[in-house]
Amino acid sequence: MTAIAFIGLGNMGGGMAANLAKAGHDVRAFDLSEAARKKAGEQGCNPVDRMEDAISGAEVVVSMLPAGKHVRSVYENEGGVIELAGEGTLLIDCSTIDVQSARAVGEAAAQAGFLMVDAPVSGGVAAADGGTLTFMVGGPEEAFGKAEPILDIMGKAVIRAGESGAGQAAKICNNMLLGISMIGTCEAFALAKKLGLDPQNFFDIASQASGQCWSLTAYCPEPGPVPAAPSNRDYNPGFAVAMMLKDLKLAQEAASANGASTPMGAQAEALYAMFDALGAGNKDFSGIMKLLDGSLSESGWTG
């Protein structure tokens, strides 16, 4: 049994913490939300009311937070993880944040004598609950070696991308690709229907042809062909539009800062920003199908 402080029990973090508890670890679960702490307790974690109570005596700290400013605050501020953690504590941040913040926190941790990795995830809420996430990990090889057994409990794949910040770089590039491919898949279905093709028939063809991709065969945005996809439950997430938009913004910020040309990424960000503004922020990102096929109400998302 390992004593693990888990900070951040939202849609993703809650399921991740629960899987660590199911594996027999002592998970001290902290979140600002009382409801999230209560749910964690019902799932086998030991909820605590103060972050310092989670960190005290922990051998590992895992965090899953909304943005870079939150990660920097939790780790670097007075009374934060770096100040309170005991010698030899392993630090794992699974948040999706900007590369610069990840590198800054990693450097601060290293200077304080801690091993730390940035380990953002891919897979969405269902994968977090099911323990089938993919982790993209940045950090020293020694830190990765120590973090891998913990991450293995929560995921199906744990891949080292490089040094500190590399996990975040891999995540934003992956999700930019996902956002672009989902828009292309939706456009193809919209055109197919306008041309009189049956959506199931088009799916059967494209899934066996050169248009095959994850957005089509695993997460089909057209209701029907993939029963488990959010399109068959009114686009309830899944992976919310607001989260996809956040990742696309991070990708564009990184592209601008590093002189990379990403015109398709920029267009994807613009389209998801429009979709979010129409009230779809809490719907699954594949729901952009309704915008692209013309079925979205003029007043925005009403379903």
Protein backbone atom coordinates (compact mmCIF):
# COMPACT_ATOMS: atom_id res chain seq x y z
CA MET A 1 0.00 0.00 0.00
CA THR A 2 1.32 3.42 -1.01
CA ALA A 3 0.14 6.65 0.61
CA ILE A 4 -1.01 8.85 -2.27
CA ALA A 5 -2.23 12.44 -2.06
CA PHE A 6 -4.66 13.09 -4.91
CA ILE A 7 -5.43 16.77 -5.54
CA GLY A 8 -8.28 17.60 -7.92
CA LEU A 9 -11.33 15.31 -8.03
CA GLY A 10 -13.24 16.61 -11.04
CA ASN A 11 -14.69 14.59 -13.91
CA MET A 12 -11.30 13.06 -14.68
CA GLY A 13 -9.54 13.13 -11.33
CA GLY A 14 -12.39 11.48 -9.45
CA GLY A 15 -12.25 8.31 -11.52
CA MET A 16 -8.46 8.24 -11.50
CA ALA A 17 -8.31 8.51 -7.71
CA ALA A 18 -10.95 5.79 -7.37
CA ASN A 19 -8.86 3.38 -9.46
CA LEU A 20 -5.83 3.97 -7.26
CA ALA A 21 -7.98 3.21 -4.21
CA LYS A 22 -9.38 0.06 -5.84
CA ALA A 23 -5.80 -1.10 -6.37
CA GLY A 24 -5.33 -1.05 -2.60
CA HIS A 25 -3.54 2.26 -2.10
CA ASP A 26 -4.22 4.76 0.68
CA VAL A 27 -5.57 7.66 -1.37
CA ARG A 28 -5.94 10.91 0.58
CA ALA A 29 -8.32 12.78 -1.72
CA PHE A 30 -8.62 16.58 -1.72
CA ASP A 31 -10.75 18.97 -3.75
CA LEU A 32 -12.25 22.37 -3.03
CA SER A 33 -15.66 20.82 -3.75
CA GLU A 34 -17.26 19.10 -0.77
CA ALA A 35 -19.44 17.05 -3.13
CA ALA A 36 -16.34 15.80 -4.98
CA ARG A 37 -14.68 14.83 -1.69
CA LYS A 38 -17.81 12.99 -0.60
CA LYS A 39 -17.99 11.05 -3.87
CA ALA A 40 -14.33 10.12 -3.55
CA GLY A 41 -15.05 8.72 -0.10
CA GLU A 42 -17.85 6.61 -1.51
CA GLN A 43 -15.39 5.21 -4.05
CA GLY A 44 -12.85 4.03 -1.52
CA CYS A 45 -10.65 7.09 -1.06
CA ASN A 46 -9.98 8.86 2.23
CA PRO A 47 -11.32 12.40 1.72
CA VAL A 48 -9.62 15.24 3.59
CA ASP A 49 -10.74 18.84 4.09
CA ARG A 50 -7.32 20.44 3.71
CA MET A 51 -4.66 19.96 1.05
CA GLU A 52 -1.93 19.85 3.68
CA ASP A 53 -3.65 16.86 5.29
CA ALA A 54 -3.46 15.01 1.99
CA ILE A 55 0.22 15.84 1.45
CA SER A 56 1.41 15.09 5.00
CA GLY A 57 3.07 11.66 5.00
CA ALA A 58 2.27 10.99 1.33
CA GLU A 59 4.80 9.01 -0.71
CA VAL A 60 3.28 10.20 -3.98
CA VAL A 61 1.35 13.35 -4.91
CA VAL A 62 -0.92 13.21 -7.97
CA SER A 63 -2.69 16.33 -9.22
CA MET A 64 -5.40 16.86 -11.84
CA LEU A 65 -6.16 20.58 -12.08
CA PRO A 66 -7.85 22.93 -14.59
CA ALA A 67 -5.02 25.18 -15.82
CA GLY A 68 -1.40 26.20 -15.47
CA LYS A 69 -2.12 28.91 -12.92
CA HIS A 70 -3.75 26.35 -10.64
CA VAL A 71 -0.85 23.92 -10.97
CA ARG A 72 1.72 26.62 -10.24
CA SER A 73 -0.27 27.78 -7.22
CA VAL A 74 -0.73 24.29 -5.77
CA TYR A 75 2.93 23.35 -6.20
CA GLU A 76 4.90 26.59 -5.85
CA ASN A 77 2.96 28.84 -3.47
CA GLU A 78 3.55 29.06 0.26
CA GLY A 79 1.85 26.06 1.84
CA GLY A 80 1.98 24.20 -1.48
CA VAL A 81 3.19 20.76 -2.45
CA ILE A 82 6.88 21.63 -2.84
CA GLU A 83 6.98 23.23 0.61
CA LEU A 84 4.96 20.58 2.43
CA ALA A 85 5.95 17.28 0.80
CA GLY A 86 8.39 15.06 2.65
CA GLU A 87 11.79 14.11 1.34
CA GLY A 88 11.60 11.55 -1.46
CA THR A 89 7.97 12.23 -2.34
CA LEU A 90 7.25 11.57 -6.03
CA LEU A 91 5.27 14.33 -7.77
CA ILE A 92 2.95 13.58 -10.72
CA ASP A 93 0.89 16.28 -12.40
CA CYS A 94 -1.73 14.92 -14.79
CA SER A 95 -3.31 18.27 -15.66
CA THR A 96 -3.29 19.57 -19.24
CA ILE A 97 -1.49 22.92 -19.10
CA ASP A 98 0.89 25.07 -21.13
CA VAL A 99 4.38 23.74 -21.68
CA GLN A 100 6.04 26.74 -20.04
CA SER A 101 4.17 26.25 -16.76
CA ALA A 102 4.93 22.53 -16.74
CA ARG A 103 8.64 23.22 -17.22
CA ALA A 104 8.64 25.91 -14.53
CA VAL A 105 6.99 23.65 -11.95
CA GLY A 106 9.25 20.76 -12.91
CA GLU A 107 12.33 22.96 -12.46
CA ALA A 108 11.09 24.24 -9.08
CA ALA A 109 10.50 20.67 -7.94
CA ALA A 110 13.95 19.56 -9.11
CA GLN A 111 15.62 22.46 -7.32
CA ALA A 112 13.84 21.39 -4.13
CA GLY A 113 15.14 17.84 -4.56
CA PHE A 114 11.97 16.15 -5.83
CA LEU A 115 11.45 13.83 -8.78
CA MET A 116 8.49 15.06 -10.86
CA VAL A 117 6.74 14.24 -14.12
CA ASP A 118 4.10 15.98 -16.16
CA ALA A 119 1.70 13.25 -17.29
CA PRO A 120 -1.35 14.61 -19.12
CA VAL A 121 -3.91 12.08 -20.29
CA SER A 122 -5.94 11.11 -23.32
CA GLY A 123 -9.17 9.14 -23.22
CA GLY A 124 -11.91 11.21 -21.58
CA VAL A 125 -14.16 10.49 -18.62
CA ALA A 126 -15.02 6.91 -19.59
CA ALA A 127 -11.33 5.99 -19.78
CA ALA A 128 -10.62 7.76 -16.48
CA ASP A 129 -13.36 5.73 -14.82
CA GLY A 130 -12.32 2.51 -16.53
CA GLY A 131 -8.58 2.86 -15.93
CA THR A 132 -7.80 2.89 -19.66
CA LEU A 133 -6.22 6.31 -20.10
CA THR A 134 -3.13 7.00 -22.19
CA PHE A 135 -0.45 8.96 -20.33
CA MET A 136 2.05 11.16 -22.19
CA VAL A 137 4.89 11.69 -19.74
CA GLY A 138 7.61 14.31 -19.51
CA GLY A 139 10.43 14.24 -16.98
CA PRO A 140 13.74 12.60 -16.06
CA GLU A 141 14.07 8.89 -16.74
CA GLU A 142 14.41 8.16 -13.02
CA ALA A 143 11.15 10.02 -12.28
CA PHE A 144 9.40 8.20 -15.13
CA GLY A 145 10.55 4.84 -13.79
CA LYS A 146 9.06 5.59 -10.38
CA ALA A 147 5.84 7.09 -11.79
CA GLU A 148 5.10 4.35 -14.31
CA PRO A 149 3.72 1.76 -11.82
CA ILE A 150 1.31 4.36 -10.42
CA LEU A 151 0.20 5.52 -13.86
CA ASP A 152 -0.21 1.91 -15.05
CA ILE A 153 -3.04 1.50 -12.54
CA MET A 154 -4.96 4.34 -14.17
CA GLY A 155 -4.13 3.70 -17.81
CA LYS A 156 -3.67 1.28 -20.66
CA ALA A 157 -0.57 3.02 -22.04
CA VAL A 158 2.17 5.04 -20.35
CA ILE A 159 4.65 6.58 -22.79
CA ARG A 160 7.61 8.81 -22.00
CA ALA A 161 7.75 11.73 -24.43
CA GLY A 162 10.99 13.29 -23.18
CA GLU A 163 12.17 15.70 -20.52
CA SER A 164 10.06 18.03 -18.36
CA GLY A 165 7.23 19.60 -20.35
CA ALA A 166 7.36 17.01 -23.13
CA GLY A 167 4.20 15.32 -21.89
CA GLN A 168 2.30 18.58 -22.28
CA ALA A 169 3.79 19.14 -25.73
CA ALA A 170 2.65 15.69 -26.85
CA LYS A 171 -0.83 16.22 -25.39
CA ILE A 172 -1.57 19.53 -27.12
CA CYS A 173 -0.25 18.24 -30.45
CA ASN A 174 -2.36 15.08 -30.14
CA ASN A 175 -5.51 16.99 -29.25
CA MET A 176 -4.99 19.52 -32.04
CA LEU A 177 -4.88 16.54 -34.42
CA LEU A 178 -8.02 15.12 -32.80
CA GLY A 179 -9.92 18.40 -33.07
CA ILE A 180 -9.00 18.74 -36.74
CA SER A 181 -9.86 15.12 -37.59
CA MET A 182 -13.24 15.34 -35.83
CA ILE A 183 -14.20 18.38 -37.88
CA GLY A 184 -13.18 16.57 -41.08
CA THR A 185 -15.21 13.51 -40.09
CA CYS A 186 -18.28 15.65 -39.39
CA GLU A 187 -17.92 17.48 -42.70
CA ALA A 188 -17.70 14.15 -44.54
CA PHE A 189 -20.92 12.88 -42.94
CA ALA A 190 -22.67 16.18 -43.64
CA LEU A 191 -21.71 16.02 -47.31
CA ALA A 192 -22.55 12.32 -47.59
CA LYS A 193 -26.08 12.97 -46.32
CA LYS A 194 -26.54 15.92 -48.71
CA LEU A 195 -25.51 13.59 -51.53
CA GLY A 196 -28.13 11.04 -50.51
CA LEU A 197 -25.87 8.47 -48.88
CA ASP A 198 -27.19 6.55 -45.90
CA PRO A 199 -24.96 7.43 -42.88
CA GLN A 200 -24.54 3.80 -41.84
CA ASN A 201 -23.63 2.82 -45.38
CA PHE A 202 -21.10 5.65 -45.60
CA PHE A 203 -19.63 4.59 -42.24
CA ASP A 204 -19.31 0.99 -43.44
CA ILE A 205 -17.41 2.19 -46.51
CA ALA A 206 -15.18 4.88 -44.95
CA SER A 207 -14.24 2.70 -41.98
CA GLN A 208 -12.75 0.19 -44.43
CA ALA A 209 -11.22 2.76 -46.77
CA SER A 210 -8.52 5.43 -46.63
CA GLY A 211 -10.76 7.81 -44.64
CA GLN A 212 -10.61 5.51 -41.62
CA CYS A 213 -9.60 7.34 -38.41
CA TRP A 214 -10.28 7.24 -34.66
CA SER A 215 -12.86 10.04 -34.91
CA LEU A 216 -14.82 7.86 -37.33
CA THR A 217 -14.51 4.31 -36.03
CA ALA A 218 -14.19 4.77 -32.25
CA TYR A 219 -16.07 8.03 -31.64
CA CYS A 220 -18.35 8.45 -34.63
CA PRO A 221 -20.09 11.86 -34.49
CA GLU A 222 -23.08 10.63 -36.50
CA PRO A 223 -25.67 8.85 -34.31
CA GLY A 224 -26.03 5.15 -35.02
CA PRO A 225 -22.86 3.47 -36.29
CA VAL A 226 -20.88 3.35 -33.00
CA PRO A 227 -23.33 2.60 -30.14
CA ALA A 228 -20.94 3.67 -27.36
CA ALA A 229 -20.18 7.06 -28.90
CA PRO A 230 -21.58 10.25 -27.28
CA SER A 231 -23.55 10.94 -30.47
CA ASN A 232 -25.98 8.24 -29.28
CA ARG A 233 -26.66 9.95 -25.94
CA ASP A 234 -27.36 13.52 -27.10
CA TYR A 235 -23.62 14.26 -27.15
CA ASN A 236 -23.22 14.14 -23.39
CA PRO A 237 -19.46 13.97 -22.70
CA GLY A 238 -17.10 12.25 -23.05
CA PHE A 239 -14.72 15.08 -23.70
CA ALA A 240 -16.44 18.43 -23.42
CA VAL A 241 -16.29 21.19 -26.03
CA ALA A 242 -14.86 23.58 -23.43
CA MET A 243 -11.96 21.19 -22.79
CA MET A 244 -11.24 20.73 -26.49
CA LEU A 245 -11.28 24.51 -26.94
CA LYS A 246 -8.85 24.89 -24.03
CA ASP A 247 -6.43 22.42 -25.64
CA LEU A 248 -6.71 24.05 -29.07
CA LYS A 249 -5.93 27.43 -27.50
CA LEU A 250 -2.88 25.94 -25.79
CA ALA A 251 -1.76 24.51 -29.13
CA GLN A 252 -2.11 27.87 -30.87
CA GLU A 253 -0.26 29.65 -28.08
CA ALA A 254 2.57 27.14 -28.39
CA ALA A 255 2.58 27.45 -32.18
CA SER A 256 2.82 31.23 -31.97
CA ALA A 257 5.58 31.13 -29.36
CA ASN A 258 7.63 28.65 -31.39
CA GLY A 259 7.04 29.87 -34.94
CA ALA A 260 5.06 26.82 -36.09
CA SER A 261 2.54 27.07 -38.94
CA THR A 262 -0.78 25.44 -37.91
CA PRO A 263 -3.52 26.84 -40.17
CA MET A 264 -5.82 23.85 -39.68
CA GLY A 265 -5.33 24.05 -35.92
CA ALA A 266 -6.22 27.73 -36.01
CA GLN A 267 -9.38 27.02 -38.00
CA ALA A 268 -10.34 24.23 -35.60
CA GLU A 269 -9.94 26.60 -32.66
CA ALA A 270 -12.15 29.19 -34.40
CA LEU A 271 -14.89 26.64 -35.11
CA TYR A 272 -14.89 25.26 -31.57
CA ALA A 273 -14.92 28.80 -30.17
CA MET A 274 -18.03 29.49 -32.26
CA PHE A 275 -19.62 26.23 -31.11
CA ASP A 276 -18.84 27.03 -27.48
CA ALA A 277 -20.36 30.50 -27.86
CA LEU A 278 -23.58 28.84 -29.08
CA GLY A 279 -24.01 27.18 -25.68
CA ALA A 280 -22.38 23.83 -26.38
CA GLY A 281 -19.49 24.12 -23.93
CA ASN A 282 -20.71 21.28 -21.73
CA LYS A 283 -21.54 18.96 -24.62
CA ASP A 284 -19.16 16.44 -26.17
CA PHE A 285 -16.76 17.87 -28.73
CA SER A 286 -18.12 15.48 -31.37
CA GLY A 287 -21.38 17.41 -31.11
CA ILE A 288 -19.88 19.95 -33.50
CA MET A 289 -21.56 17.64 -36.01
CA LYS A 290 -24.78 19.59 -35.30
CA LEU A 291 -23.09 22.86 -36.28
CA LEU A 292 -21.52 21.49 -39.44
CA ASP A 293 -24.56 19.59 -40.75
CA GLY A 294 -26.91 22.53 -40.13
CA SER A 295 -29.05 20.81 -37.49
CA LEU A 296 -28.13 23.18 -34.66
CA SER A 297 -30.86 25.62 -33.69
CA GLU A 298 -30.30 29.25 -34.67
CA SER A 299 -30.49 30.12 -30.97
CA GLY A 300 -27.71 27.65 -30.18
CA TRP A 301 -27.68 24.32 -28.36
CA THR A 302 -31.15 23.62 -27.00
CA GLY A 303 -30.92 19.86 -26.52
